[in-house]
Amino acid sequence: MSSFLSLAAAPTFAIMALLSATPGGGPLEALCSGGHEASPLTGMAAMYVLMSTFHSAPWLKLISRRRSGGPDLAPVGEKP
């Protein structure tokens, strides 16, 4: 189960980065952003991109295992 949870983090943070970088957040956007001319990759969007990058290790391991012909998801505590 934890193998699947580790795979959920990176896409979740990537989606959150896209949503927070998209203009038109509604009436609260003025309170949360420093200005309308600011780069979309500042503040929360940049944080979510970094978190998605840091949590991409399980995806890279899964891709590596698939290419080498190993098991897709090993049980927790066991090495493939």
PDB file of N, CA and C in Angstrom:
ATOM      1  N   MET A   1       0.820  -1.202   0.000  1.00  0.00           N
ATOM      2  CA  MET A   1       0.000   0.000   0.000  1.00  0.00           C
ATOM      3  C   MET A   1       0.859   1.258   0.000  1.00  0.00           C
ATOM      4  N   SER A   2       1.944   1.248   0.774  1.00  0.00           N
ATOM      5  CA  SER A   2       2.784   2.445   0.826  1.00  0.00           C
ATOM      6  C   SER A   2       3.502   2.673  -0.501  1.00  0.00           C
ATOM      7  N   SER A   3       3.695   1.605  -1.290  1.00  0.00           N
ATOM      8  CA  SER A   3       4.301   1.775  -2.607  1.00  0.00           C
ATOM      9  C   SER A   3       3.418   2.641  -3.497  1.00  0.00           C
ATOM     10  N   PHE A   4       2.121   2.419  -3.418  1.00  0.00           N
ATOM     11  CA  PHE A   4       1.190   3.204  -4.213  1.00  0.00           C
ATOM     12  C   PHE A   4       1.106   4.633  -3.697  1.00  0.00           C
ATOM     13  N   LEU A   5       1.186   4.828  -2.390  1.00  0.00           N
ATOM     14  CA  LEU A   5       1.149   6.178  -1.833  1.00  0.00           C
ATOM     15  C   LEU A   5       2.380   6.980  -2.238  1.00  0.00           C
ATOM     16  N   SER A   6       3.522   6.320  -2.310  1.00  0.00           N
ATOM     17  CA  SER A   6       4.726   7.042  -2.713  1.00  0.00           C
ATOM     18  C   SER A   6       4.638   7.488  -4.169  1.00  0.00           C
ATOM     19  N   LEU A   7       3.890   6.757  -4.993  1.00  0.00           N
ATOM     20  CA  LEU A   7       3.709   7.144  -6.387  1.00  0.00           C
ATOM     21  C   LEU A   7       2.703   8.280  -6.556  1.00  0.00           C
ATOM     22  N   ALA A   8       1.883   8.520  -5.548  1.00  0.00           N
ATOM     23  CA  ALA A   8       0.855   9.553  -5.653  1.00  0.00           C
ATOM     24  C   ALA A   8       1.381  10.953  -5.387  1.00  0.00           C
ATOM     25  N   ALA A   9       2.493  11.094  -4.691  1.00  0.00           N
ATOM     26  CA  ALA A   9       2.966  12.411  -4.271  1.00  0.00           C
ATOM     27  C   ALA A   9       3.377  13.292  -5.454  1.00  0.00           C
ATOM     28  N   ALA A  10       4.222  12.798  -6.342  1.00  0.00           N
ATOM     29  CA  ALA A  10       4.747  13.630  -7.434  1.00  0.00           C
ATOM     30  C   ALA A  10       3.645  14.160  -8.355  1.00  0.00           C
ATOM     31  N   PRO A  11       2.713  13.317  -8.837  1.00  0.00           N
ATOM     32  CA  PRO A  11       1.654  13.869  -9.694  1.00  0.00           C
ATOM     33  C   PRO A  11       0.738  14.851  -8.962  1.00  0.00           C
ATOM     34  N   THR A  12       0.513  14.594  -7.680  1.00  0.00           N
ATOM     35  CA  THR A  12      -0.336  15.500  -6.905  1.00  0.00           C
ATOM     36  C   THR A  12       0.298  16.878  -6.817  1.00  0.00           C
ATOM     37  N   PHE A  13       1.584  16.928  -6.501  1.00  0.00           N
ATOM     38  CA  PHE A  13       2.262  18.213  -6.408  1.00  0.00           C
ATOM     39  C   PHE A  13       2.374  18.880  -7.779  1.00  0.00           C
ATOM     40  N   ALA A  14       2.535  18.101  -8.845  1.00  0.00           N
ATOM     41  CA  ALA A  14       2.595  18.680 -10.192  1.00  0.00           C
ATOM     42  C   ALA A  14       1.264  19.331 -10.559  1.00  0.00           C
ATOM     43  N   ILE A  15       0.167  18.688 -10.229  1.00  0.00           N
ATOM     44  CA  ILE A  15      -1.159  19.263 -10.495  1.00  0.00           C
ATOM     45  C   ILE A  15      -1.369  20.522  -9.669  1.00  0.00           C
ATOM     46  N   MET A  16      -0.937  20.496  -8.417  1.00  0.00           N
ATOM     47  CA  MET A  16      -1.075  21.674  -7.563  1.00  0.00           C
ATOM     48  C   MET A  16      -0.232  22.828  -8.097  1.00  0.00           C
ATOM     49  N   ALA A  17       0.953  22.530  -8.661  1.00  0.00           N
ATOM     50  CA  ALA A  17       1.790  23.577  -9.255  1.00  0.00           C
ATOM     51  C   ALA A  17       1.087  24.202 -10.455  1.00  0.00           C
ATOM     52  N   LEU A  18       0.475  23.360 -11.289  1.00  0.00           N
ATOM     53  CA  LEU A  18      -0.241  23.886 -12.451  1.00  0.00           C
ATOM     54  C   LEU A  18      -1.426  24.749 -12.037  1.00  0.00           C
ATOM     55  N   LEU A  19      -2.154  24.291 -11.035  1.00  0.00           N
ATOM     56  CA  LEU A  19      -3.318  25.057 -10.586  1.00  0.00           C
ATOM     57  C   LEU A  19      -2.925  26.375  -9.949  1.00  0.00           C
ATOM     58  N   SER A  20      -1.838  26.394  -9.197  1.00  0.00           N
ATOM     59  CA  SER A  20      -1.450  27.639  -8.532  1.00  0.00           C
ATOM     60  C   SER A  20      -0.746  28.596  -9.489  1.00  0.00           C
ATOM     61  N   ALA A  21      -0.234  28.104 -10.626  1.00  0.00           N
ATOM     62  CA  ALA A  21       0.414  28.974 -11.613  1.00  0.00           C
ATOM     63  C   ALA A  21      -0.576  29.527 -12.625  1.00  0.00           C
ATOM     64  N   THR A  22      -1.789  28.995 -12.652  1.00  0.00           N
ATOM     65  CA  THR A  22      -2.791  29.436 -13.608  1.00  0.00           C
ATOM     66  C   THR A  22      -3.404  30.751 -13.146  1.00  0.00           C
ATOM     67  N   PRO A  23      -3.459  31.763 -14.023  1.00  0.00           N
ATOM     68  CA  PRO A  23      -4.084  33.030 -13.633  1.00  0.00           C
ATOM     69  C   PRO A  23      -5.602  32.882 -13.518  1.00  0.00           C
ATOM     70  N   GLY A  24      -6.215  33.807 -12.828  1.00  0.00           N
ATOM     71  CA  GLY A  24      -7.665  33.805 -12.684  1.00  0.00           C
ATOM     72  C   GLY A  24      -8.133  32.993 -11.501  1.00  0.00           C
ATOM     73  N   GLY A  25      -7.473  33.146 -10.367  1.00  0.00           N
ATOM     74  CA  GLY A  25      -7.808  32.386  -9.176  1.00  0.00           C
ATOM     75  C   GLY A  25      -9.025  32.900  -8.427  1.00  0.00           C
ATOM     76  N   GLY A  26      -9.663  33.940  -8.906  1.00  0.00           N
ATOM     77  CA  GLY A  26     -10.846  34.450  -8.258  1.00  0.00           C
ATOM     78  C   GLY A  26     -10.547  35.649  -7.375  1.00  0.00           C
ATOM     79  N   PRO A  27     -11.508  36.004  -6.503  1.00  0.00           N
ATOM     80  CA  PRO A  27     -11.366  37.221  -5.696  1.00  0.00           C
ATOM     81  C   PRO A  27     -10.234  37.166  -4.678  1.00  0.00           C
ATOM     82  N   LEU A  28      -9.820  35.980  -4.256  1.00  0.00           N
ATOM     83  CA  LEU A  28      -8.749  35.876  -3.272  1.00  0.00           C
ATOM     84  C   LEU A  28      -7.368  35.937  -3.904  1.00  0.00           C
ATOM     85  N   GLU A  29      -7.293  35.969  -5.224  1.00  0.00           N
ATOM     86  CA  GLU A  29      -6.003  36.007  -5.901  1.00  0.00           C
ATOM     87  C   GLU A  29      -5.225  37.270  -5.538  1.00  0.00           C
ATOM     88  N   ALA A  30      -5.917  38.389  -5.370  1.00  0.00           N
ATOM     89  CA  ALA A  30      -5.248  39.638  -5.023  1.00  0.00           C
ATOM     90  C   ALA A  30      -4.593  39.552  -3.654  1.00  0.00           C
ATOM     91  N   LEU A  31      -5.185  38.800  -2.755  1.00  0.00           N
ATOM     92  CA  LEU A  31      -4.611  38.661  -1.419  1.00  0.00           C
ATOM     93  C   LEU A  31      -3.404  37.738  -1.410  1.00  0.00           C
ATOM     94  N   CYS A  32      -3.398  36.723  -2.267  1.00  0.00           N
ATOM     95  CA  CYS A  32      -2.356  35.703  -2.241  1.00  0.00           C
ATOM     96  C   CYS A  32      -1.162  36.035  -3.124  1.00  0.00           C
ATOM     97  N   SER A  33      -1.335  36.828  -4.136  1.00  0.00           N
ATOM     98  CA  SER A  33      -0.213  37.118  -5.027  1.00  0.00           C
ATOM     99  C   SER A  33       0.309  38.522  -4.764  1.00  0.00           C
ATOM    100  N   GLY A  34       1.587  38.710  -5.031  1.00  0.00           N
ATOM    101  CA  GLY A  34       2.216  40.007  -4.806  1.00  0.00           C
ATOM    102  C   GLY A  34       1.830  41.030  -5.851  1.00  0.00           C
ATOM    103  N   GLY A  35       1.469  40.615  -6.993  1.00  0.00           N
ATOM    104  CA  GLY A  35       1.082  41.511  -8.074  1.00  0.00           C
ATOM    105  C   GLY A  35       0.751  40.726  -9.310  1.00  0.00           C
ATOM    106  N   HIS A  36       0.080  41.357 -10.217  1.00  0.00           N
ATOM    107  CA  HIS A  36      -0.325  40.639 -11.427  1.00  0.00           C
ATOM    108  C   HIS A  36       0.821  40.487 -12.416  1.00  0.00           C
ATOM    109  N   GLU A  37       1.878  41.307 -12.305  1.00  0.00           N
ATOM    110  CA  GLU A  37       3.007  41.193 -13.208  1.00  0.00           C
ATOM    111  C   GLU A  37       4.031  40.172 -12.743  1.00  0.00           C
ATOM    112  N   ALA A  38       3.794  39.554 -11.600  1.00  0.00           N
ATOM    113  CA  ALA A  38       4.756  38.594 -11.055  1.00  0.00           C
ATOM    114  C   ALA A  38       4.804  37.336 -11.917  1.00  0.00           C
ATOM    115  N   SER A  39       5.942  36.670 -11.895  1.00  0.00           N
ATOM    116  CA  SER A  39       6.110  35.434 -12.648  1.00  0.00           C
ATOM    117  C   SER A  39       5.211  34.341 -12.079  1.00  0.00           C
ATOM    118  N   PRO A  40       4.659  33.485 -12.930  1.00  0.00           N
ATOM    119  CA  PRO A  40       3.811  32.403 -12.420  1.00  0.00           C
ATOM    120  C   PRO A  40       4.602  31.359 -11.630  1.00  0.00           C
ATOM    121  N   LEU A  41       5.929  31.354 -11.753  1.00  0.00           N
ATOM    122  CA  LEU A  41       6.741  30.380 -11.025  1.00  0.00           C
ATOM    123  C   LEU A  41       7.335  30.968  -9.747  1.00  0.00           C
ATOM    124  N   THR A  42       6.611  31.831  -9.102  1.00  0.00           N
ATOM    125  CA  THR A  42       7.052  32.354  -7.818  1.00  0.00           C
ATOM    126  C   THR A  42       6.097  31.858  -6.742  1.00  0.00           C
ATOM    127  N   GLY A  43       6.541  31.852  -5.536  1.00  0.00           N
ATOM    128  CA  GLY A  43       5.679  31.498  -4.421  1.00  0.00           C
ATOM    129  C   GLY A  43       5.293  30.034  -4.402  1.00  0.00           C
ATOM    130  N   MET A  44       3.997  29.774  -4.311  1.00  0.00           N
ATOM    131  CA  MET A  44       3.483  28.423  -4.141  1.00  0.00           C
ATOM    132  C   MET A  44       3.753  27.545  -5.354  1.00  0.00           C
ATOM    133  N   ALA A  45       3.671  28.073  -6.558  1.00  0.00           N
ATOM    134  CA  ALA A  45       3.903  27.262  -7.756  1.00  0.00           C
ATOM    135  C   ALA A  45       5.326  26.714  -7.760  1.00  0.00           C
ATOM    136  N   ALA A  46       6.296  27.550  -7.424  1.00  0.00           N
ATOM    137  CA  ALA A  46       7.690  27.099  -7.374  1.00  0.00           C
ATOM    138  C   ALA A  46       7.883  26.036  -6.300  1.00  0.00           C
ATOM    139  N   MET A  47       7.232  26.218  -5.160  1.00  0.00           N
ATOM    140  CA  MET A  47       7.343  25.233  -4.085  1.00  0.00           C
ATOM    141  C   MET A  47       6.775  23.883  -4.531  1.00  0.00           C
ATOM    142  N   TYR A  48       5.621  23.886  -5.196  1.00  0.00           N
ATOM    143  CA  TYR A  48       5.014  22.641  -5.655  1.00  0.00           C
ATOM    144  C   TYR A  48       5.860  21.966  -6.738  1.00  0.00           C
ATOM    145  N   VAL A  49       6.493  22.745  -7.608  1.00  0.00           N
ATOM    146  CA  VAL A  49       7.377  22.168  -8.624  1.00  0.00           C
ATOM    147  C   VAL A  49       8.564  21.483  -7.947  1.00  0.00           C
ATOM    148  N   LEU A  50       9.161  22.153  -6.962  1.00  0.00           N
ATOM    149  CA  LEU A  50      10.283  21.549  -6.237  1.00  0.00           C
ATOM    150  C   LEU A  50       9.859  20.290  -5.490  1.00  0.00           C
ATOM    151  N   MET A  51       8.700  20.323  -4.846  1.00  0.00           N
ATOM    152  CA  MET A  51       8.235  19.150  -4.109  1.00  0.00           C
ATOM    153  C   MET A  51       7.935  17.992  -5.060  1.00  0.00           C
ATOM    154  N   SER A  52       7.391  18.293  -6.219  1.00  0.00           N
ATOM    155  CA  SER A  52       7.138  17.250  -7.211  1.00  0.00           C
ATOM    156  C   SER A  52       8.448  16.640  -7.685  1.00  0.00           C
ATOM    157  N   THR A  53       9.459  17.472  -7.863  1.00  0.00           N
ATOM    158  CA  THR A  53      10.777  16.987  -8.277  1.00  0.00           C
ATOM    159  C   THR A  53      11.390  16.098  -7.200  1.00  0.00           C
ATOM    160  N   PHE A  54      11.328  16.536  -5.956  1.00  0.00           N
ATOM    161  CA  PHE A  54      11.914  15.759  -4.868  1.00  0.00           C
ATOM    162  C   PHE A  54      11.188  14.433  -4.642  1.00  0.00           C
ATOM    163  N   HIS A  55       9.902  14.377  -4.973  1.00  0.00           N
ATOM    164  CA  HIS A  55       9.130  13.152  -4.769  1.00  0.00           C
ATOM    165  C   HIS A  55       9.058  12.287  -6.027  1.00  0.00           C
ATOM    166  N   SER A  56       9.890  12.558  -7.019  1.00  0.00           N
ATOM    167  CA  SER A  56       9.852  11.770  -8.253  1.00  0.00           C
ATOM    168  C   SER A  56      10.695  10.502  -8.179  1.00  0.00           C
ATOM    169  N   ALA A  57      11.437  10.277  -7.113  1.00  0.00           N
ATOM    170  CA  ALA A  57      12.300   9.090  -6.988  1.00  0.00           C
ATOM    171  C   ALA A  57      11.531   7.770  -7.160  1.00  0.00           C
ATOM    172  N   PRO A  58      10.342   7.588  -6.543  1.00  0.00           N
ATOM    173  CA  PRO A  58       9.620   6.322  -6.759  1.00  0.00           C
ATOM    174  C   PRO A  58       9.259   6.090  -8.222  1.00  0.00           C
ATOM    175  N   TRP A  59       8.938   7.148  -8.955  1.00  0.00           N
ATOM    176  CA  TRP A  59       8.623   7.003 -10.377  1.00  0.00           C
ATOM    177  C   TRP A  59       9.859   6.606 -11.159  1.00  0.00           C
ATOM    178  N   LEU A  60      10.997   7.203 -10.819  1.00  0.00           N
ATOM    179  CA  LEU A  60      12.232   6.856 -11.517  1.00  0.00           C
ATOM    180  C   LEU A  60      12.636   5.412 -11.240  1.00  0.00           C
ATOM    181  N   LYS A  61      12.434   4.946 -10.006  1.00  0.00           N
ATOM    182  CA  LYS A  61      12.725   3.547  -9.672  1.00  0.00           C
ATOM    183  C   LYS A  61      11.793   2.602 -10.432  1.00  0.00           C
ATOM    184  N   LEU A  62      10.522   2.962 -10.530  1.00  0.00           N
ATOM    185  CA  LEU A  62       9.556   2.137 -11.249  1.00  0.00           C
ATOM    186  C   LEU A  62       9.927   2.036 -12.733  1.00  0.00           C
ATOM    187  N   ILE A  63      10.299   3.150 -13.331  1.00  0.00           N
ATOM    188  CA  ILE A  63      10.696   3.142 -14.736  1.00  0.00           C
ATOM    189  C   ILE A  63      11.954   2.301 -14.925  1.00  0.00           C
ATOM    190  N   SER A  64      12.905   2.442 -14.012  1.00  0.00           N
ATOM    191  CA  SER A  64      14.146   1.677 -14.097  1.00  0.00           C
ATOM    192  C   SER A  64      13.878   0.171 -13.983  1.00  0.00           C
ATOM    193  N   ARG A  65      12.993  -0.225 -13.076  1.00  0.00           N
ATOM    194  CA  ARG A  65      12.662  -1.643 -12.910  1.00  0.00           C
ATOM    195  C   ARG A  65      11.961  -2.197 -14.140  1.00  0.00           C
ATOM    196  N   ARG A  66      11.078  -1.418 -14.721  1.00  0.00           N
ATOM    197  CA  ARG A  66      10.367  -1.898 -15.910  1.00  0.00           C
ATOM    198  C   ARG A  66      11.309  -2.105 -17.077  1.00  0.00           C
ATOM    199  N   ARG A  67      12.286  -1.216 -17.214  1.00  0.00           N
ATOM    200  CA  ARG A  67      13.241  -1.346 -18.322  1.00  0.00           C
ATOM    201  C   ARG A  67      14.189  -2.516 -18.117  1.00  0.00           C
ATOM    202  N   SER A  68      14.502  -2.832 -16.849  1.00  0.00           N
ATOM    203  CA  SER A  68      15.425  -3.939 -16.594  1.00  0.00           C
ATOM    204  C   SER A  68      14.700  -5.274 -16.471  1.00  0.00           C
ATOM    205  N   GLY A  69      13.366  -5.273 -16.502  1.00  0.00           N
ATOM    206  CA  GLY A  69      12.602  -6.504 -16.451  1.00  0.00           C
ATOM    207  C   GLY A  69      12.316  -6.992 -15.045  1.00  0.00           C
ATOM    208  N   GLY A  70      12.567  -6.174 -14.045  1.00  0.00           N
ATOM    209  CA  GLY A  70      12.312  -6.547 -12.657  1.00  0.00           C
ATOM    210  C   GLY A  70      10.848  -6.379 -12.285  1.00  0.00           C
ATOM    211  N   PRO A  71      10.493  -6.673 -11.030  1.00  0.00           N
ATOM    212  CA  PRO A  71       9.103  -6.502 -10.599  1.00  0.00           C
ATOM    213  C   PRO A  71       8.738  -5.025 -10.554  1.00  0.00           C
ATOM    214  N   ASP A  72       7.464  -4.729 -10.843  1.00  0.00           N
ATOM    215  CA  ASP A  72       7.018  -3.338 -10.870  1.00  0.00           C
ATOM    216  C   ASP A  72       7.061  -2.705  -9.481  1.00  0.00           C
ATOM    217  N   LEU A  73       6.367  -3.291  -8.536  1.00  0.00           N
ATOM    218  CA  LEU A  73       6.313  -2.751  -7.184  1.00  0.00           C
ATOM    219  C   LEU A  73       6.702  -3.835  -6.198  1.00  0.00           C
ATOM    220  N   ALA A  74       7.808  -3.659  -5.546  1.00  0.00           N
ATOM    221  CA  ALA A  74       8.254  -4.637  -4.541  1.00  0.00           C
ATOM    222  C   ALA A  74       7.552  -4.346  -3.225  1.00  0.00           C
ATOM    223  N   PRO A  75       7.204  -5.383  -2.446  1.00  0.00           N
ATOM    224  CA  PRO A  75       6.613  -5.157  -1.134  1.00  0.00           C
ATOM    225  C   PRO A  75       7.565  -4.355  -0.246  1.00  0.00           C
ATOM    226  N   VAL A  76       6.993  -3.645   0.690  1.00  0.00           N
ATOM    227  CA  VAL A  76       7.797  -2.808   1.579  1.00  0.00           C
ATOM    228  C   VAL A  76       8.748  -3.677   2.386  1.00  0.00           C
ATOM    229  N   GLY A  77       9.998  -3.275   2.449  1.00  0.00           N
ATOM    230  CA  GLY A  77      10.994  -4.010   3.221  1.00  0.00           C
ATOM    231  C   GLY A  77      11.727  -5.081   2.446  1.00  0.00           C
ATOM    232  N   GLU A  78      11.247  -5.416   1.251  1.00  0.00           N
ATOM    233  CA  GLU A  78      11.904  -6.428   0.424  1.00  0.00           C
ATOM    234  C   GLU A  78      12.607  -5.765  -0.739  1.00  0.00           C
ATOM    235  N   LYS A  79      13.774  -6.274  -1.047  1.00  0.00           N
ATOM    236  CA  LYS A  79      14.497  -5.759  -2.206  1.00  0.00           C
ATOM    237  C   LYS A  79      14.222  -6.688  -3.383  1.00  0.00           C
ATOM    238  N   PRO A  80      13.996  -6.101  -4.563  1.00  0.00           N
ATOM    239  CA  PRO A  80      13.702  -6.939  -5.737  1.00  0.00           C
ATOM    240  C   PRO A  80      14.884  -7.756  -6.184  1.00  0.00           C
TER     241      PRO A  80
END
